[in-house]
Amino acid sequence: MPYVDGFLLAVPKANLERYKDFARRAGDIWKEYGALSYVECVADDVPYGEFTSFPRAVHATDEETVIFAWITYESRARRDEINNKVMNDPRVAGEDWKEIFDGKRMIYGGFQSFLTL
């Protein structure tokens, strides 16, 4: 079963096209190093909940949209290897993503798959 990195972040609506360009480049790099898949999704039906919700989780404002993304790998070991290469790649290290979104509000983590139907 694949290992999955999951991400949730808020992107200013004014930066959405710039974020999409950034994501396309990043996805190509992750895939080049061996990721099985790279998926980025923009919020379409994510109401602001009273207690919990995707927008609440990342403190999204009315001027922002939520991005939900994931990357799959063969295993945790391959994920660690691939992410090390990606983070040291000058194409990523040189990217000024801080101008595109606030990484301090990004939620991310690694997950071991247990079911695929």
PDB file of N, CA and C in Angstrom:
ATOM      1  N   MET A   1       0.844  -1.175   0.000  1.00  0.00           N
ATOM      2  CA  MET A   1       0.000   0.000   0.000  1.00  0.00           C
ATOM      3  C   MET A   1       0.893   1.243   0.000  1.00  0.00           C
ATOM      4  N   PRO A   2       0.488   2.282  -0.705  1.00  0.00           N
ATOM      5  CA  PRO A   2       1.337   3.471  -0.795  1.00  0.00           C
ATOM      6  C   PRO A   2       1.412   4.254   0.515  1.00  0.00           C
ATOM      7  N   TYR A   3       2.497   4.956   0.676  1.00  0.00           N
ATOM      8  CA  TYR A   3       2.661   5.919   1.759  1.00  0.00           C
ATOM      9  C   TYR A   3       2.200   7.259   1.211  1.00  0.00           C
ATOM     10  N   VAL A   4       1.524   8.064   2.035  1.00  0.00           N
ATOM     11  CA  VAL A   4       0.915   9.308   1.554  1.00  0.00           C
ATOM     12  C   VAL A   4       1.351  10.488   2.410  1.00  0.00           C
ATOM     13  N   ASP A   5       1.794  11.566   1.767  1.00  0.00           N
ATOM     14  CA  ASP A   5       1.974  12.855   2.424  1.00  0.00           C
ATOM     15  C   ASP A   5       0.737  13.668   2.108  1.00  0.00           C
ATOM     16  N   GLY A   6       0.094  14.237   3.135  1.00  0.00           N
ATOM     17  CA  GLY A   6      -1.090  15.060   2.935  1.00  0.00           C
ATOM     18  C   GLY A   6      -0.824  16.497   3.329  1.00  0.00           C
ATOM     19  N   PHE A   7      -1.481  17.428   2.633  1.00  0.00           N
ATOM     20  CA  PHE A   7      -1.273  18.860   2.845  1.00  0.00           C
ATOM     21  C   PHE A   7      -2.600  19.605   2.811  1.00  0.00           C
ATOM     22  N   LEU A   8      -2.721  20.611   3.643  1.00  0.00           N
ATOM     23  CA  LEU A   8      -3.863  21.507   3.644  1.00  0.00           C
ATOM     24  C   LEU A   8      -3.316  22.908   3.868  1.00  0.00           C
ATOM     25  N   LEU A   9      -3.661  23.844   2.992  1.00  0.00           N
ATOM     26  CA  LEU A   9      -3.137  25.196   3.121  1.00  0.00           C
ATOM     27  C   LEU A   9      -4.100  26.223   2.559  1.00  0.00           C
ATOM     28  N   ALA A  10      -3.909  27.456   2.985  1.00  0.00           N
ATOM     29  CA  ALA A  10      -4.705  28.576   2.492  1.00  0.00           C
ATOM     30  C   ALA A  10      -3.858  29.375   1.509  1.00  0.00           C
ATOM     31  N   VAL A  11      -4.463  29.708   0.369  1.00  0.00           N
ATOM     32  CA  VAL A  11      -3.774  30.495  -0.658  1.00  0.00           C
ATOM     33  C   VAL A  11      -4.627  31.719  -0.968  1.00  0.00           C
ATOM     34  N   PRO A  12      -4.024  32.907  -0.966  1.00  0.00           N
ATOM     35  CA  PRO A  12      -4.799  34.076  -1.364  1.00  0.00           C
ATOM     36  C   PRO A  12      -5.379  33.877  -2.765  1.00  0.00           C
ATOM     37  N   LYS A  13      -6.657  34.193  -2.932  1.00  0.00           N
ATOM     38  CA  LYS A  13      -7.302  34.026  -4.237  1.00  0.00           C
ATOM     39  C   LYS A  13      -6.545  34.787  -5.321  1.00  0.00           C
ATOM     40  N   ALA A  14      -5.959  35.911  -4.962  1.00  0.00           N
ATOM     41  CA  ALA A  14      -5.192  36.704  -5.922  1.00  0.00           C
ATOM     42  C   ALA A  14      -3.938  35.973  -6.388  1.00  0.00           C
ATOM     43  N   ASN A  15      -3.471  34.985  -5.626  1.00  0.00           N
ATOM     44  CA  ASN A  15      -2.258  34.233  -5.965  1.00  0.00           C
ATOM     45  C   ASN A  15      -2.559  32.844  -6.518  1.00  0.00           C
ATOM     46  N   LEU A  16      -3.821  32.515  -6.752  1.00  0.00           N
ATOM     47  CA  LEU A  16      -4.174  31.151  -7.112  1.00  0.00           C
ATOM     48  C   LEU A  16      -3.495  30.680  -8.390  1.00  0.00           C
ATOM     49  N   GLU A  17      -3.495  31.477  -9.430  1.00  0.00           N
ATOM     50  CA  GLU A  17      -2.852  31.056 -10.682  1.00  0.00           C
ATOM     51  C   GLU A  17      -1.350  30.894 -10.493  1.00  0.00           C
ATOM     52  N   ARG A  18      -0.765  31.759  -9.711  1.00  0.00           N
ATOM     53  CA  ARG A  18       0.670  31.646  -9.413  1.00  0.00           C
ATOM     54  C   ARG A  18       0.935  30.363  -8.614  1.00  0.00           C
ATOM     55  N   TYR A  19       0.044  30.056  -7.671  1.00  0.00           N
ATOM     56  CA  TYR A  19       0.187  28.813  -6.901  1.00  0.00           C
ATOM     57  C   TYR A  19       0.072  27.594  -7.818  1.00  0.00           C
ATOM     58  N   LYS A  20      -0.877  27.629  -8.750  1.00  0.00           N
ATOM     59  CA  LYS A  20      -1.044  26.499  -9.667  1.00  0.00           C
ATOM     60  C   LYS A  20       0.215  26.280 -10.496  1.00  0.00           C
ATOM     61  N   ASP A  21       0.850  27.341 -10.943  1.00  0.00           N
ATOM     62  CA  ASP A  21       2.113  27.216 -11.682  1.00  0.00           C
ATOM     63  C   ASP A  21       3.191  26.600 -10.795  1.00  0.00           C
ATOM     64  N   PHE A  22       3.278  27.088  -9.556  1.00  0.00           N
ATOM     65  CA  PHE A  22       4.235  26.556  -8.585  1.00  0.00           C
ATOM     66  C   PHE A  22       3.985  25.062  -8.367  1.00  0.00           C
ATOM     67  N   ALA A  23       2.713  24.673  -8.196  1.00  0.00           N
ATOM     68  CA  ALA A  23       2.361  23.279  -7.941  1.00  0.00           C
ATOM     69  C   ALA A  23       2.720  22.386  -9.132  1.00  0.00           C
ATOM     70  N   ARG A  24       2.481  22.864 -10.351  1.00  0.00           N
ATOM     71  CA  ARG A  24       2.835  22.076 -11.544  1.00  0.00           C
ATOM     72  C   ARG A  24       4.333  21.798 -11.586  1.00  0.00           C
ATOM     73  N   ARG A  25       5.129  22.818 -11.323  1.00  0.00           N
ATOM     74  CA  ARG A  25       6.588  22.645 -11.318  1.00  0.00           C
ATOM     75  C   ARG A  25       7.016  21.698 -10.196  1.00  0.00           C
ATOM     76  N   ALA A  26       6.451  21.905  -9.011  1.00  0.00           N
ATOM     77  CA  ALA A  26       6.800  21.050  -7.871  1.00  0.00           C
ATOM     78  C   ALA A  26       6.404  19.605  -8.146  1.00  0.00           C
ATOM     79  N   GLY A  27       5.219  19.401  -8.691  1.00  0.00           N
ATOM     80  CA  GLY A  27       4.755  18.048  -8.995  1.00  0.00           C
ATOM     81  C   GLY A  27       5.670  17.335  -9.971  1.00  0.00           C
ATOM     82  N   ASP A  28       6.115  18.060 -10.983  1.00  0.00           N
ATOM     83  CA  ASP A  28       7.045  17.473 -11.948  1.00  0.00           C
ATOM     84  C   ASP A  28       8.337  17.026 -11.269  1.00  0.00           C
ATOM     85  N   ILE A  29       8.812  17.825 -10.318  1.00  0.00           N
ATOM     86  CA  ILE A  29      10.055  17.489  -9.617  1.00  0.00           C
ATOM     87  C   ILE A  29       9.844  16.267  -8.729  1.00  0.00           C
ATOM     88  N   TRP A  30       8.748  16.242  -7.957  1.00  0.00           N
ATOM     89  CA  TRP A  30       8.472  15.072  -7.105  1.00  0.00           C
ATOM     90  C   TRP A  30       8.366  13.806  -7.944  1.00  0.00           C
ATOM     91  N   LYS A  31       7.659  13.894  -9.068  1.00  0.00           N
ATOM     92  CA  LYS A  31       7.512  12.723  -9.938  1.00  0.00           C
ATOM     93  C   LYS A  31       8.864  12.313 -10.533  1.00  0.00           C
ATOM     94  N   GLU A  32       9.677  13.287 -10.903  1.00  0.00           N
ATOM     95  CA  GLU A  32      11.003  13.001 -11.452  1.00  0.00           C
ATOM     96  C   GLU A  32      11.833  12.175 -10.467  1.00  0.00           C
ATOM     97  N   TYR A  33      11.696  12.474  -9.180  1.00  0.00           N
ATOM     98  CA  TYR A  33      12.465  11.757  -8.165  1.00  0.00           C
ATOM     99  C   TYR A  33      11.810  10.461  -7.702  1.00  0.00           C
ATOM    100  N   GLY A  34      10.605  10.155  -8.189  1.00  0.00           N
ATOM    101  CA  GLY A  34      10.031   8.855  -7.893  1.00  0.00           C
ATOM    102  C   GLY A  34       8.687   8.813  -7.207  1.00  0.00           C
ATOM    103  N   ALA A  35       8.064   9.954  -6.931  1.00  0.00           N
ATOM    104  CA  ALA A  35       6.720   9.919  -6.351  1.00  0.00           C
ATOM    105  C   ALA A  35       5.786   9.205  -7.317  1.00  0.00           C
ATOM    106  N   LEU A  36       4.869   8.421  -6.774  1.00  0.00           N
ATOM    107  CA  LEU A  36       3.921   7.689  -7.621  1.00  0.00           C
ATOM    108  C   LEU A  36       2.848   8.605  -8.185  1.00  0.00           C
ATOM    109  N   SER A  37       2.379   9.553  -7.372  1.00  0.00           N
ATOM    110  CA  SER A  37       1.371  10.515  -7.835  1.00  0.00           C
ATOM    111  C   SER A  37       1.512  11.808  -7.049  1.00  0.00           C
ATOM    112  N   TYR A  38       0.993  12.875  -7.636  1.00  0.00           N
ATOM    113  CA  TYR A  38       1.040  14.200  -7.034  1.00  0.00           C
ATOM    114  C   TYR A  38      -0.282  14.860  -7.388  1.00  0.00           C
ATOM    115  N   VAL A  39      -1.097  15.182  -6.380  1.00  0.00           N
ATOM    116  CA  VAL A  39      -2.445  15.705  -6.621  1.00  0.00           C
ATOM    117  C   VAL A  39      -2.642  16.998  -5.839  1.00  0.00           C
ATOM    118  N   GLU A  40      -3.158  18.020  -6.503  1.00  0.00           N
ATOM    119  CA  GLU A  40      -3.489  19.299  -5.872  1.00  0.00           C
ATOM    120  C   GLU A  40      -4.940  19.614  -6.193  1.00  0.00           C
ATOM    121  N   CYS A  41      -5.708  20.017  -5.177  1.00  0.00           N
ATOM    122  CA  CYS A  41      -7.129  20.320  -5.350  1.00  0.00           C
ATOM    123  C   CYS A  41      -7.436  21.678  -4.732  1.00  0.00           C
ATOM    124  N   VAL A  42      -8.279  22.454  -5.411  1.00  0.00           N
ATOM    125  CA  VAL A  42      -8.712  23.749  -4.885  1.00  0.00           C
ATOM    126  C   VAL A  42     -10.139  23.600  -4.357  1.00  0.00           C
ATOM    127  N   ALA A  43     -10.418  24.264  -3.239  1.00  0.00           N
ATOM    128  CA  ALA A  43     -11.718  24.163  -2.584  1.00  0.00           C
ATOM    129  C   ALA A  43     -12.849  24.514  -3.545  1.00  0.00           C
ATOM    130  N   ASP A  44     -13.913  23.723  -3.465  1.00  0.00           N
ATOM    131  CA  ASP A  44     -15.102  23.964  -4.270  1.00  0.00           C
ATOM    132  C   ASP A  44     -16.352  23.949  -3.388  1.00  0.00           C
ATOM    133  N   ASP A  45     -16.434  23.004  -2.475  1.00  0.00           N
ATOM    134  CA  ASP A  45     -17.583  22.863  -1.583  1.00  0.00           C
ATOM    135  C   ASP A  45     -17.059  22.587  -0.179  1.00  0.00           C
ATOM    136  N   VAL A  46     -16.508  23.619   0.463  1.00  0.00           N
ATOM    137  CA  VAL A  46     -15.921  23.484   1.795  1.00  0.00           C
ATOM    138  C   VAL A  46     -16.463  24.594   2.705  1.00  0.00           C
ATOM    139  N   PRO A  47     -17.665  24.396   3.229  1.00  0.00           N
ATOM    140  CA  PRO A  47     -18.266  25.432   4.072  1.00  0.00           C
ATOM    141  C   PRO A  47     -17.448  25.683   5.340  1.00  0.00           C
ATOM    142  N   TYR A  48     -17.528  26.903   5.814  1.00  0.00           N
ATOM    143  CA  TYR A  48     -16.860  27.294   7.045  1.00  0.00           C
ATOM    144  C   TYR A  48     -17.681  26.754   8.203  1.00  0.00           C
ATOM    145  N   GLY A  49     -17.147  25.773   8.904  1.00  0.00           N
ATOM    146  CA  GLY A  49     -17.884  25.119   9.976  1.00  0.00           C
ATOM    147  C   GLY A  49     -17.915  25.918  11.262  1.00  0.00           C
ATOM    148  N   GLU A  50     -18.886  25.575  12.108  1.00  0.00           N
ATOM    149  CA  GLU A  50     -19.016  26.267  13.393  1.00  0.00           C
ATOM    150  C   GLU A  50     -17.847  25.929  14.323  1.00  0.00           C
ATOM    151  N   PHE A  51     -17.411  24.660  14.302  1.00  0.00           N
ATOM    152  CA  PHE A  51     -16.314  24.237  15.165  1.00  0.00           C
ATOM    153  C   PHE A  51     -15.095  23.775  14.385  1.00  0.00           C
ATOM    154  N   THR A  52     -15.337  22.978  13.338  1.00  0.00           N
ATOM    155  CA  THR A  52     -14.235  22.463  12.540  1.00  0.00           C
ATOM    156  C   THR A  52     -14.600  22.549  11.061  1.00  0.00           C
ATOM    157  N   SER A  53     -13.602  22.717  10.240  1.00  0.00           N
ATOM    158  CA  SER A  53     -13.777  22.730   8.783  1.00  0.00           C
ATOM    159  C   SER A  53     -12.402  22.906   8.158  1.00  0.00           C
ATOM    160  N   PHE A  54     -12.333  22.653   6.865  1.00  0.00           N
ATOM    161  CA  PHE A  54     -11.068  22.881   6.157  1.00  0.00           C
ATOM    162  C   PHE A  54     -10.642  24.349   6.264  1.00  0.00           C
ATOM    163  N   PRO A  55     -11.528  25.323   5.987  1.00  0.00           N
ATOM    164  CA  PRO A  55     -11.088  26.716   6.111  1.00  0.00           C
ATOM    165  C   PRO A  55     -10.646  27.079   7.534  1.00  0.00           C
ATOM    166  N   ARG A  56     -11.366  26.592   8.522  1.00  0.00           N
ATOM    167  CA  ARG A  56     -11.000  26.876   9.913  1.00  0.00           C
ATOM    168  C   ARG A  56      -9.628  26.305  10.263  1.00  0.00           C
ATOM    169  N   ALA A  57      -9.355  25.113   9.759  1.00  0.00           N
ATOM    170  CA  ALA A  57      -8.104  24.427  10.092  1.00  0.00           C
ATOM    171  C   ALA A  57      -6.874  25.251   9.717  1.00  0.00           C
ATOM    172  N   VAL A  58      -6.974  25.997   8.616  1.00  0.00           N
ATOM    173  CA  VAL A  58      -5.830  26.784   8.153  1.00  0.00           C
ATOM    174  C   VAL A  58      -6.052  28.290   8.333  1.00  0.00           C
ATOM    175  N   HIS A  59      -7.086  28.634   9.093  1.00  0.00           N
ATOM    176  CA  HIS A  59      -7.412  30.039   9.365  1.00  0.00           C
ATOM    177  C   HIS A  59      -7.581  30.837   8.075  1.00  0.00           C
ATOM    178  N   ALA A  60      -8.283  30.253   7.103  1.00  0.00           N
ATOM    179  CA  ALA A  60      -8.497  30.919   5.815  1.00  0.00           C
ATOM    180  C   ALA A  60      -9.417  32.131   5.989  1.00  0.00           C
ATOM    181  N   THR A  61      -9.061  33.195   5.313  1.00  0.00           N
ATOM    182  CA  THR A  61      -9.890  34.402   5.306  1.00  0.00           C
ATOM    183  C   THR A  61     -10.805  34.384   4.088  1.00  0.00           C
ATOM    184  N   ASP A  62     -11.689  35.362   3.990  1.00  0.00           N
ATOM    185  CA  ASP A  62     -12.576  35.457   2.824  1.00  0.00           C
ATOM    186  C   ASP A  62     -11.797  35.713   1.540  1.00  0.00           C
ATOM    187  N   GLU A  63     -10.582  36.218   1.664  1.00  0.00           N
ATOM    188  CA  GLU A  63      -9.746  36.513   0.496  1.00  0.00           C
ATOM    189  C   GLU A  63      -8.874  35.328   0.098  1.00  0.00           C
ATOM    190  N   GLU A  64      -9.046  34.197   0.780  1.00  0.00           N
ATOM    191  CA  GLU A  64      -8.228  33.012   0.521  1.00  0.00           C
ATOM    192  C   GLU A  64      -9.102  31.822   0.137  1.00  0.00           C
ATOM    193  N   THR A  65      -8.480  30.861  -0.509  1.00  0.00           N
ATOM    194  CA  THR A  65      -9.116  29.588  -0.794  1.00  0.00           C
ATOM    195  C   THR A  65      -8.265  28.485  -0.183  1.00  0.00           C
ATOM    196  N   VAL A  66      -8.849  27.319  -0.045  1.00  0.00           N
ATOM    197  CA  VAL A  66      -8.152  26.195   0.582  1.00  0.00           C
ATOM    198  C   VAL A  66      -7.655  25.237  -0.492  1.00  0.00           C
ATOM    199  N   ILE A  67      -6.432  24.784  -0.307  1.00  0.00           N
ATOM    200  CA  ILE A  67      -5.830  23.766  -1.173  1.00  0.00           C
ATOM    201  C   ILE A  67      -5.674  22.489  -0.357  1.00  0.00           C
ATOM    202  N   PHE A  68      -6.110  21.376  -0.935  1.00  0.00           N
ATOM    203  CA  PHE A  68      -5.970  20.048  -0.342  1.00  0.00           C
ATOM    204  C   PHE A  68      -5.121  19.258  -1.328  1.00  0.00           C
ATOM    205  N   ALA A  69      -4.015  18.693  -0.849  1.00  0.00           N
ATOM    206  CA  ALA A  69      -3.088  18.024  -1.759  1.00  0.00           C
ATOM    207  C   ALA A  69      -2.507  16.775  -1.111  1.00  0.00           C
ATOM    208  N   TRP A  70      -2.046  15.863  -1.984  1.00  0.00           N
ATOM    209  CA  TRP A  70      -1.353  14.686  -1.474  1.00  0.00           C
ATOM    210  C   TRP A  70      -0.370  14.167  -2.507  1.00  0.00           C
ATOM    211  N   ILE A  71       0.649  13.486  -1.981  1.00  0.00           N
ATOM    212  CA  ILE A  71       1.676  12.857  -2.802  1.00  0.00           C
ATOM    213  C   ILE A  71       1.773  11.409  -2.332  1.00  0.00           C
ATOM    214  N   THR A  72       1.845  10.462  -3.268  1.00  0.00           N
ATOM    215  CA  THR A  72       1.979   9.063  -2.879  1.00  0.00           C
ATOM    216  C   THR A  72       3.363   8.526  -3.243  1.00  0.00           C
ATOM    217  N   TYR A  73       3.797   7.576  -2.422  1.00  0.00           N
ATOM    218  CA  TYR A  73       5.116   6.962  -2.569  1.00  0.00           C
ATOM    219  C   TYR A  73       4.993   5.457  -2.368  1.00  0.00           C
ATOM    220  N   GLU A  74       6.000   4.723  -2.781  1.00  0.00           N
ATOM    221  CA  GLU A  74       6.026   3.270  -2.584  1.00  0.00           C
ATOM    222  C   GLU A  74       6.068   2.899  -1.107  1.00  0.00           C
ATOM    223  N   SER A  75       6.759   3.711  -0.294  1.00  0.00           N
ATOM    224  CA  SER A  75       6.951   3.399   1.119  1.00  0.00           C
ATOM    225  C   SER A  75       7.408   4.651   1.859  1.00  0.00           C
ATOM    226  N   ARG A  76       7.441   4.563   3.170  1.00  0.00           N
ATOM    227  CA  ARG A  76       7.943   5.673   3.983  1.00  0.00           C
ATOM    228  C   ARG A  76       9.425   5.921   3.677  1.00  0.00           C
ATOM    229  N   ALA A  77      10.180   4.849   3.513  1.00  0.00           N
ATOM    230  CA  ALA A  77      11.611   4.986   3.211  1.00  0.00           C
ATOM    231  C   ALA A  77      11.811   5.719   1.888  1.00  0.00           C
ATOM    232  N   ARG A  78      11.029   5.360   0.868  1.00  0.00           N
ATOM    233  CA  ARG A  78      11.134   6.046  -0.434  1.00  0.00           C
ATOM    234  C   ARG A  78      10.692   7.497  -0.301  1.00  0.00           C
ATOM    235  N   ARG A  79       9.651   7.752   0.490  1.00  0.00           N
ATOM    236  CA  ARG A  79       9.205   9.127   0.710  1.00  0.00           C
ATOM    237  C   ARG A  79      10.315   9.961   1.318  1.00  0.00           C
ATOM    238  N   ASP A  80      10.971   9.430   2.346  1.00  0.00           N
ATOM    239  CA  ASP A  80      12.056  10.170   2.990  1.00  0.00           C
ATOM    240  C   ASP A  80      13.190  10.436   2.010  1.00  0.00           C
ATOM    241  N   GLU A  81      13.532   9.437   1.209  1.00  0.00           N
ATOM    242  CA  GLU A  81      14.590   9.578   0.208  1.00  0.00           C
ATOM    243  C   GLU A  81      14.218  10.631  -0.843  1.00  0.00           C
ATOM    244  N   ILE A  82      13.000  10.540  -1.360  1.00  0.00           N
ATOM    245  CA  ILE A  82      12.541  11.467  -2.398  1.00  0.00           C
ATOM    246  C   ILE A  82      12.456  12.883  -1.848  1.00  0.00           C
ATOM    247  N   ASN A  83      11.868  13.051  -0.669  1.00  0.00           N
ATOM    248  CA  ASN A  83      11.734  14.397  -0.095  1.00  0.00           C
ATOM    249  C   ASN A  83      13.088  15.031   0.179  1.00  0.00           C
ATOM    250  N   ASN A  84      14.067  14.241   0.587  1.00  0.00           N
ATOM    251  CA  ASN A  84      15.414  14.765   0.797  1.00  0.00           C
ATOM    252  C   ASN A  84      15.980  15.311  -0.520  1.00  0.00           C
ATOM    253  N   LYS A  85      15.792  14.570  -1.596  1.00  0.00           N
ATOM    254  CA  LYS A  85      16.275  15.021  -2.907  1.00  0.00           C
ATOM    255  C   LYS A  85      15.542  16.279  -3.359  1.00  0.00           C
ATOM    256  N   VAL A  86      14.224  16.287  -3.170  1.00  0.00           N
ATOM    257  CA  VAL A  86      13.426  17.444  -3.592  1.00  0.00           C
ATOM    258  C   VAL A  86      13.847  18.690  -2.820  1.00  0.00           C
ATOM    259  N   MET A  87      13.973  18.569  -1.513  1.00  0.00           N
ATOM    260  CA  MET A  87      14.302  19.739  -0.688  1.00  0.00           C
ATOM    261  C   MET A  87      15.698  20.278  -0.971  1.00  0.00           C
ATOM    262  N   ASN A  88      16.576  19.435  -1.516  1.00  0.00           N
ATOM    263  CA  ASN A  88      17.920  19.880  -1.869  1.00  0.00           C
ATOM    264  C   ASN A  88      18.063  20.251  -3.337  1.00  0.00           C
ATOM    265  N   ASP A  89      16.983  20.130  -4.084  1.00  0.00           N
ATOM    266  CA  ASP A  89      17.010  20.473  -5.503  1.00  0.00           C
ATOM    267  C   ASP A  89      16.941  21.992  -5.639  1.00  0.00           C
ATOM    268  N   PRO A  90      17.867  22.591  -6.370  1.00  0.00           N
ATOM    269  CA  PRO A  90      17.872  24.055  -6.502  1.00  0.00           C
ATOM    270  C   PRO A  90      16.599  24.612  -7.144  1.00  0.00           C
ATOM    271  N   ARG A  91      15.884  23.793  -7.902  1.00  0.00           N
ATOM    272  CA  ARG A  91      14.630  24.260  -8.495  1.00  0.00           C
ATOM    273  C   ARG A  91      13.563  24.490  -7.440  1.00  0.00           C
ATOM    274  N   VAL A  92      13.656  23.770  -6.331  1.00  0.00           N
ATOM    275  CA  VAL A  92      12.705  23.952  -5.234  1.00  0.00           C
ATOM    276  C   VAL A  92      13.270  24.931  -4.212  1.00  0.00           C
ATOM    277  N   ALA A  93      14.530  24.753  -3.856  1.00  0.00           N
ATOM    278  CA  ALA A  93      15.163  25.613  -2.863  1.00  0.00           C
ATOM    279  C   ALA A  93      15.150  27.070  -3.306  1.00  0.00           C
ATOM    280  N   GLY A  94      15.227  27.311  -4.590  1.00  0.00           N
ATOM    281  CA  GLY A  94      15.241  28.668  -5.101  1.00  0.00           C
ATOM    282  C   GLY A  94      13.864  29.277  -5.255  1.00  0.00           C
ATOM    283  N   GLU A  95      12.820  28.489  -5.081  1.00  0.00           N
ATOM    284  CA  GLU A  95      11.446  28.960  -5.251  1.00  0.00           C
ATOM    285  C   GLU A  95      11.025  29.797  -4.046  1.00  0.00           C
ATOM    286  N   ASP A  96      10.501  30.976  -4.298  1.00  0.00           N
ATOM    287  CA  ASP A  96      10.068  31.835  -3.202  1.00  0.00           C
ATOM    288  C   ASP A  96       8.581  31.635  -2.945  1.00  0.00           C
ATOM    289  N   TRP A  97       8.228  30.440  -2.449  1.00  0.00           N
ATOM    290  CA  TRP A  97       6.836  30.103  -2.182  1.00  0.00           C
ATOM    291  C   TRP A  97       6.233  30.969  -1.090  1.00  0.00           C
ATOM    292  N   LYS A  98       7.085  31.592  -0.265  1.00  0.00           N
ATOM    293  CA  LYS A  98       6.582  32.448   0.817  1.00  0.00           C
ATOM    294  C   LYS A  98       5.810  33.646   0.281  1.00  0.00           C
ATOM    295  N   GLU A  99       6.079  34.022  -0.960  1.00  0.00           N
ATOM    296  CA  GLU A  99       5.331  35.109  -1.587  1.00  0.00           C
ATOM    297  C   GLU A  99       3.966  34.637  -2.094  1.00  0.00           C
ATOM    298  N   ILE A 100       3.786  33.323  -2.199  1.00  0.00           N
ATOM    299  CA  ILE A 100       2.563  32.766  -2.776  1.00  0.00           C
ATOM    300  C   ILE A 100       1.552  32.379  -1.696  1.00  0.00           C
ATOM    301  N   PHE A 101       2.026  31.784  -0.579  1.00  0.00           N
ATOM    302  CA  PHE A 101       1.135  31.383   0.506  1.00  0.00           C
ATOM    303  C   PHE A 101       1.892  31.389   1.828  1.00  0.00           C
ATOM    304  N   ASP A 102       1.144  31.384   2.916  1.00  0.00           N
ATOM    305  CA  ASP A 102       1.713  31.412   4.260  1.00  0.00           C
ATOM    306  C   ASP A 102       1.950  29.988   4.753  1.00  0.00           C
ATOM    307  N   GLY A 103       3.181  29.537   4.669  1.00  0.00           N
ATOM    308  CA  GLY A 103       3.525  28.181   5.059  1.00  0.00           C
ATOM    309  C   GLY A 103       3.339  27.898   6.543  1.00  0.00           C
ATOM    310  N   LYS A 104       3.267  28.926   7.372  1.00  0.00           N
ATOM    311  CA  LYS A 104       3.072  28.723   8.807  1.00  0.00           C
ATOM    312  C   LYS A 104       1.694  28.148   9.115  1.00  0.00           C
ATOM    313  N   ARG A 105       0.742  28.344   8.209  1.00  0.00           N
ATOM    314  CA  ARG A 105      -0.612  27.824   8.423  1.00  0.00           C
ATOM    315  C   ARG A 105      -0.858  26.526   7.662  1.00  0.00           C
ATOM    316  N   MET A 106       0.156  26.013   6.995  1.00  0.00           N
ATOM    317  CA  MET A 106       0.008  24.762   6.260  1.00  0.00           C
ATOM    318  C   MET A 106       0.022  23.593   7.244  1.00  0.00           C
ATOM    319  N   ILE A 107      -0.907  22.665   7.035  1.00  0.00           N
ATOM    320  CA  ILE A 107      -0.959  21.443   7.819  1.00  0.00           C
ATOM    321  C   ILE A 107      -0.451  20.325   6.915  1.00  0.00           C
ATOM    322  N   TYR A 108       0.454  19.501   7.423  1.00  0.00           N
ATOM    323  CA  TYR A 108       0.979  18.414   6.599  1.00  0.00           C
ATOM    324  C   TYR A 108       1.392  17.253   7.484  1.00  0.00           C
ATOM    325  N   GLY A 109       1.484  16.094   6.881  1.00  0.00           N
ATOM    326  CA  GLY A 109       1.935  14.925   7.613  1.00  0.00           C
ATOM    327  C   GLY A 109       1.955  13.698   6.725  1.00  0.00           C
ATOM    328  N   GLY A 110       2.620  12.663   7.201  1.00  0.00           N
ATOM    329  CA  GLY A 110       2.730  11.402   6.476  1.00  0.00           C
ATOM    330  C   GLY A 110       1.757  10.377   7.025  1.00  0.00           C
ATOM    331  N   PHE A 111       1.206   9.573   6.124  1.00  0.00           N
ATOM    332  CA  PHE A 111       0.183   8.595   6.490  1.00  0.00           C
ATOM    333  C   PHE A 111       0.465   7.243   5.837  1.00  0.00           C
ATOM    334  N   GLN A 112       0.301   6.199   6.613  1.00  0.00           N
ATOM    335  CA  GLN A 112       0.420   4.838   6.102  1.00  0.00           C
ATOM    336  C   GLN A 112      -0.963   4.388   5.622  1.00  0.00           C
ATOM    337  N   SER A 113      -1.076   4.025   4.364  1.00  0.00           N
ATOM    338  CA  SER A 113      -2.349   3.548   3.833  1.00  0.00           C
ATOM    339  C   SER A 113      -2.710   2.213   4.473  1.00  0.00           C
ATOM    340  N   PHE A 114      -4.006   2.012   4.713  1.00  0.00           N
ATOM    341  CA  PHE A 114      -4.458   0.718   5.213  1.00  0.00           C
ATOM    342  C   PHE A 114      -5.618   0.153   4.400  1.00  0.00           C
ATOM    343  N   LEU A 115      -6.180   0.975   3.480  1.00  0.00           N
ATOM    344  CA  LEU A 115      -7.301   0.494   2.683  1.00  0.00           C
ATOM    345  C   LEU A 115      -7.350   1.246   1.366  1.00  0.00           C
ATOM    346  N   THR A 116      -7.438   0.509   0.291  1.00  0.00           N
ATOM    347  CA  THR A 116      -7.681   1.084  -1.027  1.00  0.00           C
ATOM    348  C   THR A 116      -8.736   0.215  -1.698  1.00  0.00           C
ATOM    349  N   LEU A 117      -9.816   0.828  -2.138  1.00  0.00           N
ATOM    350  CA  LEU A 117     -10.905   0.079  -2.781  1.00  0.00           C
ATOM    351  C   LEU A 117     -10.995   0.445  -4.250  1.00  0.00           C
TER     352      LEU A 117
END
